[in-house]
Amino acid sequence: MPANGFYEWRKLAQGKQPYCIQLLGGELFAFAGLYDIWRDRDGSELYSYTIITTAPNELVAPIHNRMPAILRREDEQVWLDQSADPLRLTSLLSAYPADAMEAYPVSRALNNPANEGPELLQAAA
């Protein structure tokens, strides 16, 4: 799944503070994920997708106890290869290097799913 960032919430005494977490410079990256189509007896289909999480790196750990598994660009095709060795795939699910990422607090307006807009990506004052 392509993305340019993700959010996690840090628990504070005065409530939850959302953080935008991304690669340095906002570079596009891919989450490791799993996709499936379940079909019932009547032929109805349910499409599902999940993002795989892993232990946090040093940047994310103070914010949250997990983070999405982010694939290195050179590993994206390996992840998509249905004939890939499962042990090789499992080795791709470690935390992305913290020194290649950045995190910053964003508006608490993000805590309400009714709120939308590019201002939610701006660093909180």
Protein backbone atom coordinates (compact mmCIF):
# COMPACT_ATOMS: atom_id res chain seq x y z
CA MET A 1 0.00 0.00 0.00
CA PRO A 2 1.60 3.29 -1.05
CA ALA A 3 1.65 6.16 1.44
CA ASN A 4 3.57 9.30 2.28
CA GLY A 5 2.98 9.13 6.03
CA PHE A 6 0.87 7.77 8.84
CA TYR A 7 -0.54 8.96 12.16
CA GLU A 8 -0.07 7.63 15.66
CA TRP A 9 -1.39 9.06 18.92
CA ARG A 10 0.71 9.67 22.02
CA LYS A 11 -1.14 9.44 25.33
CA LEU A 12 -0.57 12.53 27.47
CA ALA A 13 -2.10 13.68 30.76
CA GLN A 14 -4.23 16.21 28.83
CA GLY A 15 -5.42 13.71 26.17
CA LYS A 16 -4.14 12.11 23.02
CA GLN A 17 -1.74 14.05 20.78
CA PRO A 18 -1.66 12.94 17.12
CA TYR A 19 1.67 12.80 15.30
CA CYS A 20 2.36 12.67 11.59
CA ILE A 21 5.18 10.20 10.91
CA GLN A 22 6.87 10.05 7.53
CA LEU A 23 10.11 9.40 5.73
CA LEU A 24 12.46 12.37 5.69
CA GLY A 25 11.20 14.87 3.13
CA GLY A 26 7.80 13.19 2.83
CA GLU A 27 9.03 10.61 0.31
CA LEU A 28 6.50 8.04 -0.92
CA PHE A 29 6.87 4.54 0.57
CA ALA A 30 4.97 1.24 0.80
CA PHE A 31 3.45 -0.49 3.81
CA ALA A 32 3.67 -4.28 3.96
CA GLY A 33 0.15 -5.60 3.84
CA LEU A 34 -2.07 -8.56 3.08
CA TYR A 35 -5.04 -8.61 0.72
CA ASP A 36 -7.75 -11.24 0.37
CA ILE A 37 -11.14 -11.81 -1.22
CA TRP A 38 -13.55 -13.99 0.74
CA ARG A 39 -16.42 -15.53 -1.18
CA ASP A 40 -19.53 -16.99 0.43
CA ARG A 41 -21.70 -19.78 -0.98
CA ASP A 42 -23.92 -17.29 -2.81
CA GLY A 43 -20.96 -15.78 -4.65
CA SER A 44 -20.86 -12.53 -2.65
CA GLU A 45 -17.37 -11.17 -2.20
CA LEU A 46 -15.78 -9.39 0.70
CA TYR A 47 -12.54 -7.59 -0.08
CA SER A 48 -10.19 -7.06 2.84
CA TYR A 49 -6.78 -5.53 3.43
CA THR A 50 -4.61 -5.21 6.48
CA ILE A 51 -1.41 -3.30 7.14
CA ILE A 52 1.14 -5.36 9.03
CA THR A 53 2.60 -3.77 12.15
CA THR A 54 5.88 -4.38 13.92
CA ALA A 55 7.75 -3.18 16.99
CA PRO A 56 8.44 0.57 16.85
CA ASN A 57 11.82 2.07 16.05
CA GLU A 58 13.48 4.64 18.34
CA LEU A 59 11.54 7.53 16.76
CA VAL A 60 8.08 5.97 17.10
CA ALA A 61 8.55 4.17 20.45
CA PRO A 62 7.93 7.30 22.61
CA ILE A 63 4.71 7.89 20.64
CA HIS A 64 3.23 4.40 20.28
CA ASN A 65 4.00 0.74 21.00
CA ARG A 66 3.86 -0.37 17.36
CA MET A 67 4.32 0.98 13.85
CA PRO A 68 3.44 -0.16 10.34
CA ALA A 69 5.98 -2.38 8.61
CA ILE A 70 7.46 -0.11 5.94
CA LEU A 71 9.19 -1.78 3.00
CA ARG A 72 12.51 -0.54 1.68
CA ARG A 73 12.13 0.36 -1.99
CA GLU A 74 14.39 -2.53 -3.03
CA ASP A 75 12.16 -4.99 -1.12
CA GLU A 76 8.80 -3.96 -2.61
CA GLN A 77 8.96 -6.39 -5.54
CA VAL A 78 10.08 -9.21 -3.23
CA TRP A 79 7.02 -8.57 -1.04
CA LEU A 80 4.71 -8.77 -4.08
CA ASP A 81 6.29 -11.98 -5.43
CA GLN A 82 3.85 -14.80 -4.64
CA SER A 83 6.64 -17.37 -5.01
CA ALA A 84 8.95 -15.65 -2.50
CA ASP A 85 10.30 -17.69 0.40
CA PRO A 86 8.14 -17.00 3.50
CA LEU A 87 11.27 -16.69 5.67
CA ARG A 88 12.59 -14.00 3.33
CA LEU A 89 9.26 -12.17 3.55
CA THR A 90 9.24 -12.38 7.34
CA SER A 91 12.69 -10.77 7.42
CA LEU A 92 11.23 -7.67 5.72
CA LEU A 93 8.90 -6.94 8.66
CA SER A 94 11.36 -5.15 10.93
CA ALA A 95 11.10 -1.51 11.95
CA TYR A 96 12.19 1.03 9.35
CA PRO A 97 15.38 2.91 10.33
CA ALA A 98 14.53 5.79 12.67
CA ASP A 99 17.22 8.05 11.21
CA ALA A 100 15.42 7.97 7.84
CA MET A 101 12.14 9.20 9.35
CA GLU A 102 10.64 12.24 11.04
CA ALA A 103 7.66 12.80 13.34
CA TYR A 104 5.86 15.97 14.36
CA PRO A 105 2.72 16.76 16.34
CA VAL A 106 -0.32 17.86 14.34
CA SER A 107 -3.62 19.48 15.28
CA ARG A 108 -5.82 17.67 17.78
CA ALA A 109 -8.63 18.36 15.32
CA LEU A 110 -7.41 15.13 13.71
CA ASN A 111 -8.96 13.29 16.68
CA ASN A 112 -12.43 13.93 15.21
CA PRO A 113 -13.08 11.82 12.06
CA ALA A 114 -15.50 14.48 10.78
CA ASN A 115 -12.59 16.87 10.26
CA GLU A 116 -10.86 16.89 6.87
CA GLY A 117 -8.43 19.08 5.01
CA PRO A 118 -4.76 19.74 4.34
CA GLU A 119 -4.45 21.86 7.49
CA LEU A 120 -4.55 18.61 9.48
CA LEU A 121 -1.10 17.78 8.07
CA GLN A 122 0.45 21.00 9.33
CA ALA A 123 2.72 20.90 12.36
CA ALA A 124 0.89 21.94 15.54
CA ALA A 125 1.96 25.23 17.05
